[in-house]
PDB file of N, CA and C in Angstrom:
ATOM      1  N   UNK A   1     101.588 118.571 103.134  1.00  0.00           N
ATOM      2  CA  UNK A   1     100.360 118.110 103.892  1.00  0.00           C
ATOM      3  C   UNK A   1      99.966 116.561 104.414  1.00  0.00           C
ATOM      4  N   UNK A   2      99.090 115.870 103.840  1.00  0.00           N
ATOM      5  CA  UNK A   2      98.723 114.292 103.839  1.00  0.00           C
ATOM      6  C   UNK A   2      99.347 114.047 102.729  1.00  0.00           C
ATOM      7  N   UNK A   3      99.940 113.022 102.295  1.00  0.00           N
ATOM      8  CA  UNK A   3     100.285 112.263 101.291  1.00  0.00           C
ATOM      9  C   UNK A   3      98.556 111.223 101.109  1.00  0.00           C
ATOM     10  N   UNK A   4      98.553 111.377  99.808  1.00  0.00           N
ATOM     11  CA  UNK A   4      97.234 110.443  99.109  1.00  0.00           C
ATOM     12  C   UNK A   4      97.648 109.102  99.816  1.00  0.00           C
ATOM     13  N   UNK A   5      98.419 108.318  99.186  1.00  0.00           N
ATOM     14  CA  UNK A   5      98.690 106.810 100.037  1.00  0.00           C
ATOM     15  C   UNK A   5      98.703 106.944 101.680  1.00  0.00           C
ATOM     16  N   UNK A   6      99.209 107.584 102.302  1.00  0.00           N
ATOM     17  CA  UNK A   6      98.842 107.471 103.832  1.00  0.00           C
ATOM     18  C   UNK A   6      97.643 107.936 103.762  1.00  0.00           C
ATOM     19  N   UNK A   7      96.378 108.914 103.358  1.00  0.00           N
ATOM     20  CA  UNK A   7      95.500 108.478 103.617  1.00  0.00           C
ATOM     21  C   UNK A   7      94.771 107.430 103.157  1.00  0.00           C
ATOM     22  N   UNK A   8      94.655 107.025 102.117  1.00  0.00           N
ATOM     23  CA  UNK A   8      94.503 105.701 102.093  1.00  0.00           C
ATOM     24  C   UNK A   8      94.646 104.475 102.684  1.00  0.00           C
ATOM     25  N   UNK A   9      95.799 104.897 103.513  1.00  0.00           N
ATOM     26  CA  UNK A   9      96.437 103.530 104.332  1.00  0.00           C
ATOM     27  C   UNK A   9      95.534 103.725 105.657  1.00  0.00           C
ATOM     28  N   UNK A  10      95.489 105.320 105.981  1.00  0.00           N
ATOM     29  CA  UNK A  10      94.925 105.568 107.132  1.00  0.00           C
ATOM     30  C   UNK A  10      93.693 104.548 107.107  1.00  0.00           C
ATOM     31  N   UNK A  11      92.719 105.467 105.805  1.00  0.00           N
ATOM     32  CA  UNK A  11      91.185 104.835 105.965  1.00  0.00           C
ATOM     33  C   UNK A  11      91.171 103.068 105.410  1.00  0.00           C
ATOM     34  N   UNK A  12      92.115 102.613 105.419  1.00  0.00           N
ATOM     35  CA  UNK A  12      91.699 100.898 105.536  1.00  0.00           C
ATOM     36  C   UNK A  12      92.135 100.240 106.698  1.00  0.00           C
ATOM     37  N   UNK A  13      93.448 101.078 107.452  1.00  0.00           N
ATOM     38  CA  UNK A  13      93.130 100.185 108.903  1.00  0.00           C
ATOM     39  C   UNK A  13      92.041 100.425 109.708  1.00  0.00           C
ATOM     40  N   UNK A  14      91.458 101.507 108.799  1.00  0.00           N
ATOM     41  CA  UNK A  14      90.029 101.472 110.133  1.00  0.00           C
ATOM     42  C   UNK A  14      89.043 100.569 109.605  1.00  0.00           C
ATOM     43  N   UNK A  15      89.592 100.359 108.459  1.00  0.00           N
ATOM     44  CA  UNK A  15      88.329  99.213 107.758  1.00  0.00           C
ATOM     45  C   UNK A  15      86.774  99.641 107.145  1.00  0.00           C
ATOM     46  N   UNK A  16      87.297 100.938 106.728  1.00  0.00           N
ATOM     47  CA  UNK A  16      86.362 101.867 106.616  1.00  0.00           C
ATOM     48  C   UNK A  16      86.149 102.088 104.830  1.00  0.00           C
ATOM     49  N   UNK A  17      85.376 102.289 103.834  1.00  0.00           N
ATOM     50  CA  UNK A  17      84.936 102.474 102.346  1.00  0.00           C
ATOM     51  C   UNK A  17      85.267 103.933 102.706  1.00  0.00           C
ATOM     52  N   UNK A  18      85.318 104.665 100.977  1.00  0.00           N
ATOM     53  CA  UNK A  18      85.096 105.760 101.186  1.00  0.00           C
ATOM     54  C   UNK A  18      83.761 106.629 100.874  1.00  0.00           C
ATOM     55  N   UNK A  19      83.163 105.916 101.257  1.00  0.00           N
ATOM     56  CA  UNK A  19      81.312 106.415 101.409  1.00  0.00           C
ATOM     57  C   UNK A  19      81.641 106.309 102.833  1.00  0.00           C
ATOM     58  N   UNK A  20      81.823 105.248 103.586  1.00  0.00           N
ATOM     59  CA  UNK A  20      81.807 105.956 105.347  1.00  0.00           C
ATOM     60  C   UNK A  20      82.636 106.889 105.257  1.00  0.00           C
ATOM     61  N   UNK A  21      84.094 107.192 105.197  1.00  0.00           N
ATOM     62  CA  UNK A  21      84.808 108.553 105.509  1.00  0.00           C
ATOM     63  C   UNK A  21      84.429 109.359 105.079  1.00  0.00           C
ATOM     64  N   UNK A  22      83.318 109.833 103.922  1.00  0.00           N
ATOM     65  CA  UNK A  22      82.379 110.491 103.001  1.00  0.00           C
ATOM     66  C   UNK A  22      81.532 110.668 103.856  1.00  0.00           C
ATOM     67  N   UNK A  23      80.678 110.104 104.659  1.00  0.00           N
ATOM     68  CA  UNK A  23      79.486 110.374 105.281  1.00  0.00           C
ATOM     69  C   UNK A  23      80.169 111.128 106.794  1.00  0.00           C
ATOM     70  N   UNK A  24      81.167 110.453 107.522  1.00  0.00           N
ATOM     71  CA  UNK A  24      81.547 111.341 108.205  1.00  0.00           C
ATOM     72  C   UNK A  24      82.722 112.706 108.133  1.00  0.00           C
ATOM     73  N   UNK A  25      82.742 112.770 107.318  1.00  0.00           N
ATOM     74  CA  UNK A  25      83.867 114.302 106.855  1.00  0.00           C
ATOM     75  C   UNK A  25      82.583 115.652 106.240  1.00  0.00           C
ATOM     76  N   UNK A  26      81.604 115.007 105.685  1.00  0.00           N
ATOM     77  CA  UNK A  26      80.992 115.835 104.512  1.00  0.00           C
ATOM     78  C   UNK A  26      81.772 115.887 102.955  1.00  0.00           C
ATOM     79  N   UNK A  27      82.863 115.714 102.546  1.00  0.00           N
ATOM     80  CA  UNK A  27      83.475 115.411 101.853  1.00  0.00           C
ATOM     81  C   UNK A  27      83.137 114.598 100.671  1.00  0.00           C
ATOM     82  N   UNK A  28      82.812 114.717  99.444  1.00  0.00           N
ATOM     83  CA  UNK A  28      82.303 113.898  98.126  1.00  0.00           C
ATOM     84  C   UNK A  28      83.537 112.724  98.884  1.00  0.00           C
ATOM     85  N   UNK A  29      82.446 111.863  98.226  1.00  0.00           N
ATOM     86  CA  UNK A  29      83.444 110.203  97.186  1.00  0.00           C
ATOM     87  C   UNK A  29      84.410 110.773  96.703  1.00  0.00           C
ATOM     88  N   UNK A  30      83.978 111.434  95.429  1.00  0.00           N
ATOM     89  CA  UNK A  30      85.075 111.638  94.064  1.00  0.00           C
ATOM     90  C   UNK A  30      86.023 113.034  94.664  1.00  0.00           C
ATOM     91  N   UNK A  31      85.695 112.768  95.748  1.00  0.00           N
ATOM     92  CA  UNK A  31      87.154 114.435  96.343  1.00  0.00           C
ATOM     93  C   UNK A  31      88.141 113.260  96.935  1.00  0.00           C
ATOM     94  N   UNK A  32      87.139 112.858  97.687  1.00  0.00           N
ATOM     95  CA  UNK A  32      88.208 111.685  98.594  1.00  0.00           C
ATOM     96  C   UNK A  32      89.186 110.877  97.691  1.00  0.00           C
ATOM     97  N   UNK A  33      88.148 110.255  96.572  1.00  0.00           N
ATOM     98  CA  UNK A  33      89.333 109.609  95.563  1.00  0.00           C
ATOM     99  C   UNK A  33      89.961 110.073  95.491  1.00  0.00           C
ATOM    100  N   UNK A  34      89.654 111.541  94.494  1.00  0.00           N
ATOM    101  CA  UNK A  34      90.567 112.571  93.918  1.00  0.00           C
ATOM    102  C   UNK A  34      91.955 112.783  94.999  1.00  0.00           C
ATOM    103  N   UNK A  35      91.669 112.807  96.276  1.00  0.00           N
ATOM    104  CA  UNK A  35      92.776 113.078  96.941  1.00  0.00           C
ATOM    105  C   UNK A  35      93.819 111.856  97.146  1.00  0.00           C
ATOM    106  N   UNK A  36      93.315 110.622  97.476  1.00  0.00           N
ATOM    107  CA  UNK A  36      93.930 109.438  97.061  1.00  0.00           C
ATOM    108  C   UNK A  36      94.708 108.927  96.100  1.00  0.00           C
ATOM    109  N   UNK A  37      94.218 109.368  95.465  1.00  0.00           N
ATOM    110  CA  UNK A  37      94.919 108.971  93.809  1.00  0.00           C
ATOM    111  C   UNK A  37      96.139 110.449  93.211  1.00  0.00           C
ATOM    112  N   UNK A  38      96.528 110.685  94.401  1.00  0.00           N
ATOM    113  CA  UNK A  38      97.425 112.551  94.295  1.00  0.00           C
ATOM    114  C   UNK A  38      96.650 113.494  93.441  1.00  0.00           C
ATOM    115  N   UNK A  39      95.518 113.269  92.980  1.00  0.00           N
ATOM    116  CA  UNK A  39      94.962 114.463  91.857  1.00  0.00           C
ATOM    117  C   UNK A  39      94.226 115.256  92.258  1.00  0.00           C
ATOM    118  N   UNK A  40      94.548 115.388  93.734  1.00  0.00           N
ATOM    119  CA  UNK A  40      94.108 116.735  94.012  1.00  0.00           C
ATOM    120  C   UNK A  40      94.715 116.593  95.459  1.00  0.00           C
ATOM    121  N   UNK A  41      94.893 117.682  95.983  1.00  0.00           N
ATOM    122  CA  UNK A  41      95.722 117.622  97.477  1.00  0.00           C
ATOM    123  C   UNK A  41      94.651 118.725  98.303  1.00  0.00           C
ATOM    124  N   UNK A  42      93.858 117.772  99.448  1.00  0.00           N
ATOM    125  CA  UNK A  42      93.314 118.851 100.296  1.00  0.00           C
ATOM    126  C   UNK A  42      93.860 120.120 101.037  1.00  0.00           C
ATOM    127  N   UNK A  43      92.880 120.951 101.293  1.00  0.00           N
ATOM    128  CA  UNK A  43      93.211 122.303 101.799  1.00  0.00           C
ATOM    129  C   UNK A  43      93.240 122.364 103.581  1.00  0.00           C
ATOM    130  N   UNK A  44      93.662 122.774 104.478  1.00  0.00           N
ATOM    131  CA  UNK A  44      93.990 122.368 105.588  1.00  0.00           C
ATOM    132  C   UNK A  44      92.754 121.885 106.307  1.00  0.00           C
ATOM    133  N   UNK A  45      91.420 122.973 106.145  1.00  0.00           N
ATOM    134  CA  UNK A  45      90.065 122.678 106.410  1.00  0.00           C
ATOM    135  C   UNK A  45      89.800 120.749 105.984  1.00  0.00           C
ATOM    136  N   UNK A  46      90.100 120.138 104.818  1.00  0.00           N
ATOM    137  CA  UNK A  46      89.144 119.155 104.632  1.00  0.00           C
ATOM    138  C   UNK A  46      90.567 117.954 105.053  1.00  0.00           C
ATOM    139  N   UNK A  47      91.451 118.281 105.161  1.00  0.00           N
ATOM    140  CA  UNK A  47      92.645 117.503 105.861  1.00  0.00           C
ATOM    141  C   UNK A  47      92.304 117.191 107.414  1.00  0.00           C
ATOM    142  N   UNK A  48      92.409 118.428 107.769  1.00  0.00           N
ATOM    143  CA  UNK A  48      91.710 118.154 109.305  1.00  0.00           C
ATOM    144  C   UNK A  48      90.729 117.422 109.948  1.00  0.00           C
ATOM    145  N   UNK A  49      89.629 117.634 108.853  1.00  0.00           N
ATOM    146  CA  UNK A  49      88.525 116.524 109.030  1.00  0.00           C
ATOM    147  C   UNK A  49      88.838 115.630 109.093  1.00  0.00           C
ATOM    148  N   UNK A  50      89.405 115.418 107.634  1.00  0.00           N
ATOM    149  CA  UNK A  50      89.744 113.776 107.596  1.00  0.00           C
ATOM    150  C   UNK A  50      90.205 112.776 108.651  1.00  0.00           C
ATOM    151  N   UNK A  51      91.734 113.578 108.837  1.00  0.00           N
ATOM    152  CA  UNK A  51      92.660 113.356 109.846  1.00  0.00           C
ATOM    153  C   UNK A  51      91.378 113.162 111.285  1.00  0.00           C
ATOM    154  N   UNK A  52      90.877 114.199 111.760  1.00  0.00           N
ATOM    155  CA  UNK A  52      89.845 113.636 112.854  1.00  0.00           C
ATOM    156  C   UNK A  52      89.085 112.409 112.634  1.00  0.00           C
ATOM    157  N   UNK A  53      88.393 112.270 112.112  1.00  0.00           N
ATOM    158  CA  UNK A  53      87.282 111.355 111.724  1.00  0.00           C
ATOM    159  C   UNK A  53      88.382 110.076 111.196  1.00  0.00           C
ATOM    160  N   UNK A  54      89.269 110.007 111.264  1.00  0.00           N
ATOM    161  CA  UNK A  54      90.431 108.686 110.711  1.00  0.00           C
ATOM    162  C   UNK A  54      90.931 108.370 112.716  1.00  0.00           C
ATOM    163  N   UNK A  55      90.601 109.557 113.741  1.00  0.00           N
ATOM    164  CA  UNK A  55      90.825 109.081 114.534  1.00  0.00           C
ATOM    165  C   UNK A  55      92.502 109.825 115.135  1.00  0.00           C
ATOM    166  N   UNK A  56      92.894 110.610 114.299  1.00  0.00           N
ATOM    167  CA  UNK A  56      93.792 111.506 114.986  1.00  0.00           C
ATOM    168  C   UNK A  56      93.643 112.517 115.175  1.00  0.00           C
ATOM    169  N   UNK A  57      94.536 113.295 115.218  1.00  0.00           N
ATOM    170  CA  UNK A  57      94.589 114.969 115.947  1.00  0.00           C
ATOM    171  C   UNK A  57      95.554 115.860 114.922  1.00  0.00           C
ATOM    172  N   UNK A  58      95.450 116.972 113.939  1.00  0.00           N
ATOM    173  CA  UNK A  58      96.245 117.711 113.581  1.00  0.00           C
ATOM    174  C   UNK A  58      96.826 118.929 114.433  1.00  0.00           C
ATOM    175  N   UNK A  59      97.865 118.907 114.704  1.00  0.00           N
ATOM    176  CA  UNK A  59      98.842 120.128 115.888  1.00  0.00           C
ATOM    177  C   UNK A  59      99.401 120.842 114.591  1.00  0.00           C
ATOM    178  N   UNK A  60      99.121 122.320 114.842  1.00  0.00           N
ATOM    179  CA  UNK A  60      99.852 122.985 114.647  1.00  0.00           C
ATOM    180  C   UNK A  60     101.168 123.424 115.402  1.00  0.00           C
ATOM    181  N   UNK A  61     102.471 123.112 115.119  1.00  0.00           N
ATOM    182  CA  UNK A  61     103.490 123.526 116.127  1.00  0.00           C
ATOM    183  C   UNK A  61     104.615 123.864 115.321  1.00  0.00           C
ATOM    184  N   UNK A  62     104.341 125.676 115.966  1.00  0.00           N
ATOM    185  CA  UNK A  62     105.322 126.644 115.256  1.00  0.00           C
ATOM    186  C   UNK A  62     106.383 126.110 114.981  1.00  0.00           C
ATOM    187  N   UNK A  63     107.327 126.493 114.253  1.00  0.00           N
ATOM    188  CA  UNK A  63     108.539 125.995 113.931  1.00  0.00           C
ATOM    189  C   UNK A  63     110.339 126.821 114.642  1.00  0.00           C
ATOM    190  N   UNK A  64     110.839 126.312 115.042  1.00  0.00           N
ATOM    191  CA  UNK A  64     111.866 127.399 115.990  1.00  0.00           C
ATOM    192  C   UNK A  64     112.708 128.369 114.692  1.00  0.00           C
ATOM    193  N   UNK A  65     112.526 129.471 115.490  1.00  0.00           N
ATOM    194  CA  UNK A  65     113.205 130.612 114.764  1.00  0.00           C
ATOM    195  C   UNK A  65     114.766 130.495 114.224  1.00  0.00           C
ATOM    196  N   UNK A  66     115.004 130.505 112.718  1.00  0.00           N
ATOM    197  CA  UNK A  66     115.976 129.776 112.871  1.00  0.00           C
ATOM    198  C   UNK A  66     117.327 130.928 112.859  1.00  0.00           C
ATOM    199  N   UNK A  67     117.145 132.220 113.004  1.00  0.00           N
ATOM    200  CA  UNK A  67     118.263 132.977 113.305  1.00  0.00           C
ATOM    201  C   UNK A  67     118.040 132.821 114.889  1.00  0.00           C
ATOM    202  N   UNK A  68     117.195 132.851 115.865  1.00  0.00           N
ATOM    203  CA  UNK A  68     117.637 132.502 117.050  1.00  0.00           C
ATOM    204  C   UNK A  68     118.444 131.419 117.760  1.00  0.00           C
ATOM    205  N   UNK A  69     118.110 129.938 116.846  1.00  0.00           N
ATOM    206  CA  UNK A  69     118.426 128.888 117.048  1.00  0.00           C
ATOM    207  C   UNK A  69     120.112 129.099 116.606  1.00  0.00           C
ATOM    208  N   UNK A  70     120.033 129.654 115.713  1.00  0.00           N
ATOM    209  CA  UNK A  70     121.799 130.099 114.741  1.00  0.00           C
ATOM    210  C   UNK A  70     122.609 131.025 115.915  1.00  0.00           C
ATOM    211  N   UNK A  71     122.157 132.131 117.006  1.00  0.00           N
ATOM    212  CA  UNK A  71     122.491 132.541 117.982  1.00  0.00           C
ATOM    213  C   UNK A  71     122.903 131.780 119.015  1.00  0.00           C
ATOM    214  N   UNK A  72     121.739 130.694 119.649  1.00  0.00           N
ATOM    215  CA  UNK A  72     122.507 129.851 120.669  1.00  0.00           C
ATOM    216  C   UNK A  72     123.645 129.067 120.115  1.00  0.00           C
ATOM    217  N   UNK A  73     123.501 128.352 119.094  1.00  0.00           N
ATOM    218  CA  UNK A  73     124.436 127.409 118.675  1.00  0.00           C
ATOM    219  C   UNK A  73     125.804 128.690 118.388  1.00  0.00           C
ATOM    220  N   UNK A  74     125.805 129.582 118.204  1.00  0.00           N
ATOM    221  CA  UNK A  74     127.089 130.534 118.361  1.00  0.00           C
ATOM    222  C   UNK A  74     128.030 130.596 119.724  1.00  0.00           C
ATOM    223  N   UNK A  75     126.713 130.956 120.092  1.00  0.00           N
ATOM    224  CA  UNK A  75     126.796 131.070 122.201  1.00  0.00           C
ATOM    225  C   UNK A  75     127.791 129.171 122.664  1.00  0.00           C
ATOM    226  N   UNK A  76     126.887 128.770 122.379  1.00  0.00           N
ATOM    227  CA  UNK A  76     127.615 127.402 122.629  1.00  0.00           C
ATOM    228  C   UNK A  76     128.485 126.625 122.403  1.00  0.00           C
ATOM    229  N   UNK A  77     129.069 127.023 120.963  1.00  0.00           N
ATOM    230  CA  UNK A  77     130.313 126.933 120.393  1.00  0.00           C
ATOM    231  C   UNK A  77     131.357 128.079 120.790  1.00  0.00           C
ATOM    232  N   UNK A  78     131.625 129.370 121.313  1.00  0.00           N
ATOM    233  CA  UNK A  78     131.943 129.794 122.131  1.00  0.00           C
ATOM    234  C   UNK A  78     131.959 129.663 122.961  1.00  0.00           C
ATOM    235  N   UNK A  79     131.227 129.145 123.815  1.00  0.00           N
ATOM    236  CA  UNK A  79     131.524 128.325 125.192  1.00  0.00           C
ATOM    237  C   UNK A  79     132.410 127.475 125.480  1.00  0.00           C
ATOM    238  N   UNK A  80     132.137 126.403 124.190  1.00  0.00           N
ATOM    239  CA  UNK A  80     132.633 125.195 124.345  1.00  0.00           C
ATOM    240  C   UNK A  80     134.237 125.830 123.519  1.00  0.00           C
ATOM    241  N   UNK A  81     134.833 126.464 123.068  1.00  0.00           N
ATOM    242  CA  UNK A  81     136.350 127.001 122.815  1.00  0.00           C
ATOM    243  C   UNK A  81     136.832 127.510 123.332  1.00  0.00           C
ATOM    244  N   UNK A  82     136.051 127.678 124.736  1.00  0.00           N
ATOM    245  CA  UNK A  82     136.611 128.690 126.231  1.00  0.00           C
ATOM    246  C   UNK A  82     137.273 127.500 127.132  1.00  0.00           C
ATOM    247  N   UNK A  83     136.773 126.417 126.990  1.00  0.00           N
ATOM    248  CA  UNK A  83     136.824 125.387 127.714  1.00  0.00           C
ATOM    249  C   UNK A  83     138.152 124.778 127.307  1.00  0.00           C
ATOM    250  N   UNK A  84     138.732 124.359 128.546  1.00  0.00           N
ATOM    251  CA  UNK A  84     140.491 124.022 128.671  1.00  0.00           C
ATOM    252  C   UNK A  84     140.072 122.572 128.009  1.00  0.00           C
ATOM    253  N   UNK A  85     140.785 122.287 126.621  1.00  0.00           N
ATOM    254  CA  UNK A  85     140.934 121.048 126.381  1.00  0.00           C
ATOM    255  C   UNK A  85     142.429 119.874 127.130  1.00  0.00           C
ATOM    256  N   UNK A  86     141.316 118.643 127.793  1.00  0.00           N
ATOM    257  CA  UNK A  86     142.577 117.927 128.543  1.00  0.00           C
ATOM    258  C   UNK A  86     142.501 116.811 127.541  1.00  0.00           C
ATOM    259  N   UNK A  87     142.642 116.304 126.998  1.00  0.00           N
ATOM    260  CA  UNK A  87     142.930 114.800 126.300  1.00  0.00           C
ATOM    261  C   UNK A  87     142.876 113.868 127.068  1.00  0.00           C
ATOM    262  N   UNK A  88     142.253 112.503 127.343  1.00  0.00           N
ATOM    263  CA  UNK A  88     142.376 111.755 128.203  1.00  0.00           C
ATOM    264  C   UNK A  88     143.063 110.465 127.031  1.00  0.00           C
ATOM    265  N   UNK A  89     143.972 109.535 127.847  1.00  0.00           N
ATOM    266  CA  UNK A  89     144.383 108.461 126.933  1.00  0.00           C
ATOM    267  C   UNK A  89     143.510 107.410 126.697  1.00  0.00           C
ATOM    268  N   UNK A  90     143.598 106.722 125.338  1.00  0.00           N
ATOM    269  CA  UNK A  90     142.659 106.386 124.993  1.00  0.00           C
ATOM    270  C   UNK A  90     142.426 104.771 126.086  1.00  0.00           C
ATOM    271  N   UNK A  91     141.719 104.483 125.424  1.00  0.00           N
ATOM    272  CA  UNK A  91     141.241 102.677 126.688  1.00  0.00           C
ATOM    273  C   UNK A  91     142.057 101.879 125.686  1.00  0.00           C
ATOM    274  N   UNK A  92     142.370 100.959 126.172  1.00  0.00           N
ATOM    275  CA  UNK A  92     142.944  99.690 125.702  1.00  0.00           C
ATOM    276  C   UNK A  92     141.964  99.074 125.588  1.00  0.00           C
ATOM    277  N   UNK A  93     142.214  98.579 124.230  1.00  0.00           N
ATOM    278  CA  UNK A  93     141.251  97.572 123.403  1.00  0.00           C
ATOM    279  C   UNK A  93     141.020  96.225 124.409  1.00  0.00           C
ATOM    280  N   UNK A  94     139.888  95.981 123.884  1.00  0.00           N
ATOM    281  CA  UNK A  94     140.071  94.599 124.645  1.00  0.00           C
ATOM    282  C   UNK A  94     140.097  93.191 123.920  1.00  0.00           C
ATOM    283  N   UNK A  95     140.445  92.166 124.149  1.00  0.00           N
ATOM    284  CA  UNK A  95     140.563  91.182 123.190  1.00  0.00           C
ATOM    285  C   UNK A  95     139.479  89.691 123.805  1.00  0.00           C
TER     286      UNK A  95
END
């Protein structure tokens, strides 16, 4: 999700204290401290509130289907093997 040191760095880049971030997100300061020290891991809701308060956006992007990608790759390789192979002469080295 989001690493504690990254969370701390983003907060400090804004010049905010944990108390200020706590007021903006509604997450207790003690919990923010635990996140930054990697003693707790924020859930999706908490991470989203923190990230948005810091001026970033959390997007959920679906991962490509590995089976479909494998089929596409297999088709491309099959087509590539069917192409005629005509090696070009190597270019002469410049001195």
